[in-house]
Amino acid sequence: MRKLLLLVFLALILAACGGTGAEDIVEEYPNGVGATAPVAQPTEPAEEIPPPHRFAGHESSIPLDEAAEFFALAEAAWDEDGGELWGIPLHVPLIFADVTTRHAVANTSAGGLFYRQGDVYVGILPDNVAIWNTSANFEGLSWGMMTWALAESLDDRGALQILVHEAFHAVQYRILSTQVVNMPSGLMDYLDARVLVMLETNALLAAIRAQGEERTQAITDALSFRAERRARHRGHRAAEISIEISEGLAVFTDLKLVFRDMDEILEWLEDYISQHAGSSGLRGFGYFTGALYAMLLQESGADWQNDLCTNVDLAQLLREALSIDELRPFDEIDLELYGYAEITAVETAWLAEADRIIEGAEAVLPDRLLLLLHGAYAHTNVHFEVLSITNPEAIIPVPHVVYYGNLEIYGSWGRIAFVGGYIRPIFNPLGLAVSAMDMVIDGNVVTAPTWVLTLNEGYSLLELPNGNFRAAYN
């Protein structure tokens, strides 16, 4: 039996853009919510502050010149936009952070937390600041944050795209009239819903490539697929809208500011969407459907960006902008125009594989012996699948997330590499728990049947009174 994949847990372990839990659809974009802290403009370089300072005596684990180059590229993109896209300047405080050392490099100072070195500001993040690809509120500011591990794993344009994406999350509370919180949905557990989402997506891509009546027809088909899905699966509308508003608009922003050229945007989107078809990543389809609807709205000339909030349906705005009165019955649309047969085959195969994985995992759920890893962050430049089932024996139902494919997660304690198995979430503080059955400790390397943990210097496993273990600093 497949249970709902908890979106809040995916936000915990998949890095992808900001804050409170929608699904990670591919590793590039962690999820985000509207920030509430004030946004400050990056300050002019101040005089260097001599020791004592918390960072004094440290050599930054993040190359300062490379971080400065990314900050300059982001500033250039914002300057070129000039506030045109959203009607406000998009310049925000930015920060790169290292999850292992907690070293940080920023484009502005903050309450004595950072001090100037050359063209940037350096410091060590306090333990109560979670390091993530996200928007982060601390020292009275709303920051766009990106892990350096992700930045150095991507090419310059890919890293800049995510940096701009997270910066949008830091400023989006000024764009959206209400705070947006991503909501969980089990819609993508159903074959017909997955097929209808992909039909809608392909129709939107066709619309962007077309003009005039041909564009209107493709948009009408996309809206018809959406209406058919909602008629068959009621109760998911709010969850769809929440991720389209929070993440779809962030994707729209980073694509428009970084790429500009529509051919490049379409090429990126087609590759991005293809990675998520036939995978658990389709749960976050709002990342790309939201971006596609926003692009079509912008090209329609409609005044659509005013009064955006958590319950605004971008698809409905587009329908009104184009005065589309009637949709088409599902059985009257030529589905093969949008790849119906291929989509159905791919999604059928994925759901069968998901069932097989969950069925095999249920045998290990009674395990009680766990290793606890606090402050855990996914290495986001790898592809893996995530499924969720709930332990029926728990007094409070506990989700078990099953991995298939390779996955690496890291934190201040070190790195753990998975080849399968399951983990449980730890919600406070952020972290995870893995099965400690048949665990073998050999110095700083800990091996189990489905994972290998390499501990950083100064860390070891502490046995707890209940028999579980925790990675702890000596």
Protein backbone atom coordinates (compact mmCIF):
# COMPACT_ATOMS: atom_id res chain seq x y z
CA MET A 1 0.00 0.00 0.00
CA ARG A 2 1.40 3.37 -1.02
CA LYS A 3 1.01 6.18 1.51
CA LEU A 4 1.30 9.89 0.97
CA LEU A 5 4.82 11.14 0.46
CA LEU A 6 5.25 13.80 3.10
CA LEU A 7 6.32 16.95 1.31
CA VAL A 8 7.69 18.48 4.47
CA PHE A 9 10.14 15.60 4.69
CA LEU A 10 11.27 16.02 1.10
CA ALA A 11 12.09 19.61 1.82
CA LEU A 12 14.25 18.28 4.65
CA ILE A 13 16.38 15.91 2.61
CA LEU A 14 16.40 17.15 -0.98
CA ALA A 15 17.99 20.28 -1.61
CA ALA A 16 16.67 21.54 -4.86
CA CYS A 17 14.50 26.10 -3.05
CA GLY A 18 13.61 27.42 0.40
CA GLY A 19 11.84 26.86 3.65
CA THR A 20 8.90 24.60 4.46
CA GLY A 21 8.43 21.54 2.57
CA ALA A 22 7.22 20.82 -0.91
CA GLU A 23 8.65 17.97 -2.83
CA ASP A 24 11.99 18.22 -4.39
CA ILE A 25 11.44 17.46 -7.96
CA VAL A 26 14.97 17.28 -8.98
CA GLU A 27 17.87 18.14 -6.98
CA GLU A 28 18.38 21.68 -8.30
CA TYR A 29 15.51 23.30 -6.44
CA PRO A 30 14.91 23.05 -2.74
CA ASN A 31 11.53 24.47 -1.76
CA GLY A 32 10.66 27.83 -0.31
CA VAL A 33 8.04 29.97 1.36
CA GLY A 34 7.59 33.70 1.47
CA ALA A 35 10.03 35.37 3.82
CA THR A 36 8.83 37.78 6.47
CA ALA A 37 12.07 39.50 7.46
CA PRO A 38 13.03 42.83 5.90
CA VAL A 39 15.25 42.81 2.86
CA ALA A 40 18.36 44.97 3.04
CA GLN A 41 20.39 46.18 0.13
CA PRO A 42 23.96 44.78 0.10
CA THR A 43 26.15 47.24 1.97
CA GLU A 44 29.21 48.96 0.67
CA PRO A 45 32.42 47.26 1.83
CA ALA A 46 33.23 48.45 5.33
CA GLU A 47 36.59 48.65 6.97
CA GLU A 48 38.06 45.28 7.85
CA ILE A 49 37.35 44.42 11.47
CA PRO A 50 40.46 43.16 13.23
CA PRO A 51 40.34 40.20 15.62
CA PRO A 52 38.82 39.23 17.94
CA HIS A 53 36.09 37.84 15.69
CA ARG A 54 34.63 34.34 15.59
CA PHE A 55 36.15 33.77 12.16
CA ALA A 56 39.59 35.10 13.10
CA GLY A 57 42.30 32.51 12.54
CA HIS A 58 40.22 30.49 10.06
CA GLU A 59 40.88 30.06 6.37
CA SER A 60 37.58 30.03 4.51
CA SER A 61 36.61 26.64 3.08
CA ILE A 62 34.76 28.60 0.37
CA PRO A 63 36.98 30.30 -2.24
CA LEU A 64 36.38 34.00 -1.72
CA ASP A 65 37.17 35.06 -5.29
CA GLU A 66 34.76 32.49 -6.77
CA ALA A 67 31.97 33.52 -4.38
CA ALA A 68 32.58 37.17 -5.27
CA GLU A 69 32.24 36.36 -8.98
CA PHE A 70 28.84 34.73 -8.41
CA PHE A 71 27.66 37.71 -6.36
CA ALA A 72 28.74 40.03 -9.16
CA LEU A 73 26.86 37.94 -11.74
CA ALA A 74 23.69 38.06 -9.62
CA GLU A 75 24.02 41.81 -9.20
CA ALA A 76 24.49 42.21 -12.95
CA ALA A 77 21.31 40.16 -13.64
CA TRP A 78 19.32 42.29 -11.18
CA ASP A 79 20.74 45.51 -12.62
CA GLU A 80 19.85 44.44 -16.15
CA ASP A 81 16.31 43.64 -15.03
CA GLY A 82 16.04 47.02 -13.32
CA GLY A 83 12.90 45.95 -11.47
CA GLU A 84 11.03 45.31 -14.73
CA LEU A 85 10.03 41.70 -14.08
CA TRP A 86 8.28 42.22 -10.75
CA GLY A 87 8.08 45.99 -10.41
CA ILE A 88 10.63 46.08 -7.58
CA PRO A 89 14.42 45.79 -7.38
CA LEU A 90 15.43 42.19 -6.73
CA HIS A 91 18.77 42.90 -5.03
CA VAL A 92 18.91 40.92 -1.77
CA PRO A 93 21.53 39.73 0.70
CA LEU A 94 23.20 36.55 -0.56
CA ILE A 95 25.20 33.89 1.19
CA PHE A 96 27.18 30.78 0.32
CA ALA A 97 27.56 28.31 3.19
CA ASP A 98 29.58 25.15 3.83
CA VAL A 99 27.54 22.56 5.74
CA THR A 100 30.64 20.82 7.06
CA THR A 101 32.61 23.80 8.42
CA ARG A 102 29.64 26.21 8.70
CA HIS A 103 31.85 28.80 7.02
CA ALA A 104 29.87 31.45 5.17
CA VAL A 105 30.67 34.03 2.51
CA ALA A 106 28.16 36.86 2.02
CA ASN A 107 27.69 39.94 -0.12
CA THR A 108 26.84 42.10 2.90
CA SER A 109 27.61 42.33 6.60
CA ALA A 110 25.07 41.45 9.27
CA GLY A 111 25.17 42.56 12.88
CA GLY A 112 28.81 41.69 13.40
CA LEU A 113 28.27 38.12 12.18
CA PHE A 114 30.44 38.69 9.10
CA TYR A 115 33.44 40.89 8.50
CA ARG A 116 35.02 42.07 5.31
CA GLN A 117 37.73 40.23 3.43
CA GLY A 118 38.34 41.83 0.07
CA ASP A 119 35.08 42.18 -1.86
CA VAL A 120 33.04 39.82 0.34
CA TYR A 121 32.17 39.21 3.97
CA VAL A 122 33.14 36.06 5.87
CA GLY A 123 32.03 34.39 9.06
CA ILE A 124 30.82 31.23 10.74
CA LEU A 125 27.07 30.63 10.88
CA PRO A 126 25.58 30.03 14.33
CA ASP A 127 24.35 26.52 15.04
CA ASN A 128 20.72 27.67 15.04
CA VAL A 129 20.91 28.74 11.38
CA ALA A 130 20.04 25.79 9.13
CA ILE A 131 22.26 25.58 6.05
CA TRP A 132 20.20 24.90 2.98
CA ASN A 133 19.47 25.99 -0.58
CA THR A 134 16.72 28.31 0.53
CA SER A 135 15.75 31.69 1.85
CA ALA A 136 16.92 32.14 5.43
CA ASN A 137 15.97 34.72 8.05
CA PHE A 138 18.59 35.75 10.59
CA GLU A 139 20.22 38.91 11.89
CA GLY A 140 17.05 40.77 10.93
CA LEU A 141 17.50 40.11 7.20
CA SER A 142 16.03 37.75 4.63
CA TRP A 143 18.85 36.04 2.70
CA GLY A 144 19.13 33.98 -0.44
CA MET A 145 21.27 31.02 0.67
CA MET A 146 23.04 28.34 -1.38
CA THR A 147 25.33 25.56 -0.21
CA TRP A 148 28.81 25.77 -1.66
CA ALA A 149 28.77 22.01 -2.30
CA LEU A 150 25.97 22.51 -4.82
CA ALA A 151 27.50 25.63 -6.36
CA GLU A 152 30.80 23.94 -7.12
CA SER A 153 29.07 20.87 -8.59
CA LEU A 154 27.33 22.92 -11.30
CA ASP A 155 28.51 25.03 -14.20
CA ASP A 156 28.50 28.80 -13.66
CA ARG A 157 25.12 29.38 -15.26
CA GLY A 158 23.48 26.55 -13.33
CA ALA A 159 24.84 27.85 -10.04
CA LEU A 160 23.79 31.41 -10.87
CA GLN A 161 20.31 30.19 -11.72
CA ILE A 162 19.85 28.61 -8.30
CA LEU A 163 21.36 31.61 -6.53
CA VAL A 164 18.84 33.89 -8.26
CA HIS A 165 16.08 31.37 -7.51
CA GLU A 166 16.83 31.45 -3.78
CA ALA A 167 17.13 35.23 -3.88
CA PHE A 168 13.57 35.38 -5.26
CA HIS A 169 12.40 33.40 -2.23
CA ALA A 170 14.07 35.98 0.01
CA VAL A 171 12.14 38.82 -1.62
CA GLN A 172 8.90 37.09 -2.61
CA TYR A 173 6.98 38.25 0.45
CA ARG A 174 7.11 41.70 -1.18
CA ILE A 175 5.64 40.28 -4.41
CA LEU A 176 2.97 37.99 -2.97
CA SER A 177 0.28 39.55 -0.81
CA THR A 178 0.25 36.57 1.54
CA GLN A 179 2.80 34.06 2.75
CA VAL A 180 2.84 30.92 0.63
CA VAL A 181 3.24 27.53 2.28
CA ASN A 182 3.68 24.44 0.14
CA MET A 183 1.07 21.78 0.86
CA PRO A 184 1.26 17.98 0.72
CA SER A 185 -0.60 16.03 -1.94
CA GLY A 186 -0.76 12.36 -2.89
CA LEU A 187 -2.11 13.13 -6.36
CA MET A 188 0.89 11.67 -8.18
CA ASP A 189 0.17 8.23 -6.73
CA TYR A 190 -2.51 7.85 -9.43
CA LEU A 191 -1.65 6.86 -12.99
CA ASP A 192 -4.32 8.93 -14.71
CA ALA A 193 -3.32 12.03 -12.74
CA ARG A 194 0.32 11.61 -13.74
CA VAL A 195 -0.66 11.18 -17.39
CA LEU A 196 -2.90 14.24 -17.31
CA VAL A 197 -0.16 16.37 -15.75
CA MET A 198 2.27 15.41 -18.50
CA LEU A 199 -0.37 16.02 -21.21
CA GLU A 200 -0.99 19.47 -19.73
CA THR A 201 2.76 20.17 -19.60
CA ASN A 202 3.34 19.14 -23.21
CA ALA A 203 0.38 21.27 -24.32
CA LEU A 204 1.89 24.29 -22.52
CA LEU A 205 5.25 23.70 -24.20
CA ALA A 206 3.50 23.49 -27.57
CA ALA A 207 1.69 26.75 -26.80
CA ILE A 208 4.92 28.62 -26.08
CA ARG A 209 6.35 27.45 -29.41
CA ALA A 210 3.21 28.53 -31.31
CA GLN A 211 1.55 31.85 -32.10
CA GLY A 212 -1.96 33.14 -32.71
CA GLU A 213 -4.84 30.66 -32.94
CA GLU A 214 -2.50 27.68 -32.72
CA ARG A 215 -1.22 28.94 -29.37
CA THR A 216 -4.74 29.54 -28.09
CA GLN A 217 -5.75 26.01 -29.10
CA ALA A 218 -2.81 24.43 -27.27
CA ILE A 219 -3.56 26.51 -24.17
CA THR A 220 -7.21 25.45 -24.34
CA ASP A 221 -6.09 21.81 -24.46
CA ALA A 222 -3.78 22.35 -21.46
CA LEU A 223 -6.62 23.91 -19.48
CA SER A 224 -8.91 21.04 -20.53
CA PHE A 225 -6.42 18.46 -19.24
CA ARG A 226 -6.19 20.39 -15.98
CA ALA A 227 -9.97 20.52 -15.62
CA GLU A 228 -10.26 16.79 -16.35
CA ARG A 229 -7.65 15.97 -13.68
CA ARG A 230 -9.40 18.11 -11.09
CA ALA A 231 -12.77 16.59 -11.92
CA ARG A 232 -11.39 13.08 -11.40
CA HIS A 233 -9.32 13.93 -8.30
CA ARG A 234 -11.00 16.53 -6.17
CA GLY A 235 -9.35 18.08 -3.15
CA HIS A 236 -5.86 18.71 -4.61
CA ARG A 237 -6.39 22.16 -6.12
CA ALA A 238 -4.91 24.11 -3.18
CA ALA A 239 -1.79 21.94 -3.09
CA GLU A 240 -1.24 22.39 -6.84
CA ILE A 241 -1.61 26.14 -6.60
CA SER A 242 0.65 26.50 -3.59
CA ILE A 243 3.65 24.97 -5.33
CA GLU A 244 2.96 26.76 -8.62
CA ILE A 245 2.93 30.09 -6.80
CA SER A 246 5.88 29.46 -4.48
CA GLU A 247 8.18 27.47 -6.78
CA GLY A 248 6.82 27.96 -10.29
CA LEU A 249 7.23 31.72 -9.99
CA ALA A 250 10.75 31.27 -8.61
CA VAL A 251 11.67 29.10 -11.62
CA PHE A 252 10.07 31.67 -13.94
CA THR A 253 12.20 34.38 -12.32
CA ASP A 254 15.52 32.57 -12.49
CA LEU A 255 14.93 31.55 -16.11
CA LYS A 256 14.00 35.06 -17.22
CA LEU A 257 16.91 36.72 -15.44
CA VAL A 258 19.63 34.19 -16.23
CA PHE A 259 18.68 32.95 -19.71
CA ARG A 260 16.56 35.72 -21.23
CA ASP A 261 16.46 33.96 -24.66
CA MET A 262 13.26 31.91 -25.07
CA ASP A 263 14.96 29.16 -27.09
CA GLU A 264 17.44 28.60 -24.25
CA ILE A 265 14.62 28.67 -21.71
CA LEU A 266 12.65 26.06 -23.61
CA GLU A 267 15.70 23.84 -24.01
CA TRP A 268 16.34 23.98 -20.27
CA LEU A 269 12.69 23.33 -19.40
CA GLU A 270 12.38 20.37 -21.76
CA ASP A 271 15.46 18.75 -20.21
CA TYR A 272 14.24 19.53 -16.70
CA ILE A 273 10.78 18.11 -17.33
CA SER A 274 12.17 14.96 -18.97
CA GLN A 275 14.17 14.22 -15.84
CA HIS A 276 11.00 14.16 -13.77
CA ALA A 277 8.67 12.26 -16.02
CA GLY A 278 8.44 8.66 -14.86
CA SER A 279 9.93 9.38 -11.42
CA SER A 280 9.04 10.52 -7.93
CA GLY A 281 10.04 14.00 -9.06
CA LEU A 282 6.72 14.45 -10.86
CA ARG A 283 5.18 15.11 -7.44
CA GLY A 284 6.60 18.62 -7.75
CA PHE A 285 5.13 19.32 -11.18
CA GLY A 286 4.14 22.82 -10.05
CA TYR A 287 7.75 23.93 -10.49
CA PHE A 288 7.43 23.68 -14.25
CA THR A 289 3.69 24.12 -14.82
CA GLY A 290 3.80 27.29 -12.73
CA ALA A 291 6.76 28.62 -14.73
CA LEU A 292 5.06 27.78 -18.05
CA TYR A 293 1.80 29.49 -17.11
CA ALA A 294 3.74 32.56 -15.89
CA MET A 295 5.61 32.79 -19.21
CA LEU A 296 2.40 32.57 -21.22
CA LEU A 297 0.76 35.16 -18.97
CA GLN A 298 3.67 37.52 -19.48
CA GLU A 299 3.50 37.10 -23.24
CA SER A 300 -0.28 37.63 -23.22
CA GLY A 301 0.20 41.23 -22.08
CA ALA A 302 -2.21 40.73 -19.18
CA ASP A 303 -1.78 42.66 -15.93
CA TRP A 304 -1.45 39.45 -13.96
CA GLN A 305 1.21 40.18 -11.35
CA ASN A 306 -0.91 42.30 -9.02
CA ASP A 307 -2.55 40.75 -5.96
CA LEU A 308 -0.85 37.37 -6.29
CA CYS A 309 -1.36 35.20 -3.24
CA THR A 310 -1.57 31.60 -2.12
CA ASN A 311 -4.97 30.88 -3.70
CA VAL A 312 -4.42 32.47 -7.12
CA ASP A 313 -4.61 29.92 -9.94
CA LEU A 314 -2.21 30.99 -12.71
CA ALA A 315 -4.08 28.78 -15.18
CA GLN A 316 -7.34 30.59 -14.44
CA LEU A 317 -5.60 33.96 -14.87
CA LEU A 318 -4.40 32.84 -18.31
CA ARG A 319 -7.85 31.62 -19.29
CA GLU A 320 -9.35 34.97 -18.34
CA ALA A 321 -6.58 36.91 -20.10
CA LEU A 322 -7.28 35.08 -23.35
CA SER A 323 -11.09 35.04 -22.89
CA ILE A 324 -11.28 31.25 -23.32
CA ASP A 325 -14.95 30.58 -22.64
CA GLU A 326 -15.23 26.85 -23.34
CA LEU A 327 -12.86 23.95 -22.73
CA ARG A 328 -12.78 20.79 -24.80
CA PRO A 329 -14.12 17.44 -23.56
CA PHE A 330 -11.24 15.09 -22.85
CA ASP A 331 -12.43 12.45 -25.30
CA GLU A 332 -12.53 15.00 -28.15
CA ILE A 333 -8.84 15.98 -27.90
CA ASP A 334 -6.23 14.31 -30.10
CA LEU A 335 -4.11 13.02 -27.22
CA GLU A 336 -1.29 11.85 -29.45
CA LEU A 337 -0.52 15.48 -30.30
CA TYR A 338 0.89 15.58 -26.78
CA GLY A 339 2.50 12.13 -26.57
CA TYR A 340 -0.23 10.19 -24.78
CA ALA A 341 0.96 6.64 -25.60
CA GLU A 342 4.57 7.29 -24.59
CA ILE A 343 3.55 9.15 -21.42
CA THR A 344 1.24 6.34 -20.35
CA ALA A 345 3.92 3.68 -20.86
CA VAL A 346 6.52 5.65 -18.88
CA GLU A 347 4.24 6.45 -15.96
CA THR A 348 2.81 2.91 -15.78
CA ALA A 349 6.33 1.52 -15.52
CA TRP A 350 7.25 3.99 -12.78
CA LEU A 351 4.24 3.17 -10.58
CA ALA A 352 4.90 -0.57 -10.96
CA GLU A 353 8.50 -0.03 -9.87
CA ALA A 354 7.37 2.13 -6.94
CA ASP A 355 5.06 -0.64 -5.73
CA ARG A 356 7.88 -3.17 -6.00
CA ILE A 357 10.24 -0.99 -3.98
CA ILE A 358 7.72 -0.34 -1.21
CA GLU A 359 6.74 -3.99 -0.99
CA GLY A 360 10.38 -4.97 -0.55
CA ALA A 361 10.96 -2.31 2.09
CA GLU A 362 8.09 -3.29 4.35
CA ALA A 363 10.03 -6.26 5.66
CA VAL A 364 12.56 -3.99 7.39
CA LEU A 365 10.16 -1.51 8.94
CA PRO A 366 9.98 -3.18 12.38
CA ASP A 367 13.68 -2.32 12.95
CA ARG A 368 14.03 -0.37 16.16
CA LEU A 369 17.81 0.11 16.20
CA LEU A 370 18.61 3.48 14.68
CA LEU A 371 21.53 5.81 14.04
CA LEU A 372 20.58 9.47 14.45
CA LEU A 373 22.20 12.13 12.27
CA HIS A 374 21.22 15.70 13.06
CA GLY A 375 21.60 18.58 10.63
CA ALA A 376 21.49 16.44 7.46
CA TYR A 377 21.55 17.84 3.94
CA ALA A 378 21.29 16.04 0.63
CA HIS A 379 24.04 16.23 -1.96
CA THR A 380 21.80 17.54 -4.66
CA ASN A 381 23.66 16.79 -7.86
CA VAL A 382 22.64 13.13 -7.98
CA HIS A 383 19.47 11.43 -9.17
CA PHE A 384 17.50 9.14 -6.90
CA GLU A 385 13.93 8.23 -6.15
CA VAL A 386 12.05 8.80 -2.92
CA LEU A 387 8.93 7.01 -1.75
CA SER A 388 7.17 7.05 1.58
CA ILE A 389 5.21 4.59 3.67
CA THR A 390 4.07 4.86 7.27
CA ASN A 391 4.88 2.46 10.08
CA PRO A 392 1.47 1.22 11.31
CA GLU A 393 3.01 -0.05 14.56
CA ALA A 394 4.15 3.38 15.72
CA ILE A 395 2.06 5.16 18.37
CA ILE A 396 2.53 8.30 16.28
CA PRO A 397 2.71 7.26 12.61
CA VAL A 398 6.31 7.62 11.47
CA PRO A 399 7.10 8.02 7.77
CA HIS A 400 9.80 5.77 6.33
CA VAL A 401 11.38 7.07 3.18
CA VAL A 402 12.68 4.43 0.82
CA TYR A 403 15.60 5.19 -1.47
CA TYR A 404 16.36 3.59 -4.71
CA GLY A 405 19.31 4.73 -6.73
CA ASN A 406 22.37 6.35 -5.20
CA LEU A 407 22.17 9.15 -2.67
CA GLU A 408 24.72 11.04 -0.58
CA ILE A 409 23.77 13.12 2.44
CA TYR A 410 26.17 15.22 4.45
CA GLY A 411 26.38 17.34 7.58
CA SER A 412 28.90 18.64 10.06
CA TRP A 413 29.38 15.03 11.21
CA GLY A 414 30.51 13.79 7.76
CA ARG A 415 28.92 12.07 4.77
CA ILE A 416 26.67 9.07 4.43
CA ALA A 417 26.29 7.32 1.07
CA PHE A 418 23.20 5.18 0.42
CA VAL A 419 22.74 2.36 -2.02
CA GLY A 420 19.20 1.56 -0.85
CA GLY A 421 17.29 1.05 2.37
CA TYR A 422 15.12 3.49 4.28
CA ILE A 423 15.44 6.45 6.61
CA ARG A 424 13.15 8.26 9.02
CA PRO A 425 12.90 12.04 9.45
CA ILE A 426 13.94 13.93 12.55
CA PHE A 427 12.00 17.18 12.56
CA ASN A 428 13.71 19.02 15.40
CA PRO A 429 16.46 19.66 14.73
CA LEU A 430 16.54 18.86 11.02
CA GLY A 431 18.10 15.49 10.42
CA LEU A 432 17.48 11.84 9.69
CA ALA A 433 17.62 8.39 11.22
CA VAL A 434 18.93 5.30 9.46
CA SER A 435 18.71 1.65 10.37
CA ALA A 436 21.69 0.64 12.52
CA MET A 437 21.08 -3.10 12.11
CA ASP A 438 24.31 -5.01 11.31
CA MET A 439 26.34 -1.81 11.62
CA VAL A 440 30.15 -2.21 11.71
CA ILE A 441 32.41 0.54 13.08
CA ASP A 442 35.98 0.72 11.80
CA GLY A 443 37.60 3.95 12.94
CA ASN A 444 35.83 6.85 11.27
CA VAL A 445 34.13 4.58 8.72
CA VAL A 446 30.80 2.97 9.68
CA THR A 447 29.29 0.39 7.34
CA ALA A 448 25.79 -1.11 7.16
CA PRO A 449 24.09 -3.21 4.45
CA THR A 450 22.63 -0.19 2.63
CA TRP A 451 24.91 2.72 3.58
CA VAL A 452 28.46 3.79 4.41
CA LEU A 453 29.11 6.66 6.83
CA THR A 454 32.45 8.52 6.89
CA LEU A 455 32.75 10.61 10.04
CA ASN A 456 34.61 13.90 10.08
CA GLU A 457 37.53 14.41 12.43
CA GLY A 458 36.39 14.85 16.02
CA TYR A 459 33.14 12.90 15.56
CA SER A 460 32.26 9.43 16.79
CA LEU A 461 29.14 7.36 17.47
CA LEU A 462 27.65 7.75 20.93
CA GLU A 463 25.46 4.90 22.20
CA LEU A 464 22.25 6.20 23.77
CA PRO A 465 20.42 4.67 26.78
CA ASN A 466 17.70 3.23 24.52
CA GLY A 467 20.27 1.33 22.45
CA ASN A 468 20.25 3.72 19.50
CA PHE A 469 23.32 5.64 18.34
CA ARG A 470 23.98 9.28 17.56
CA ALA A 471 26.83 10.94 15.68
CA ALA A 472 28.35 13.32 18.22
CA TYR A 473 31.33 15.63 18.49
CA ASN A 474 33.87 14.37 21.00
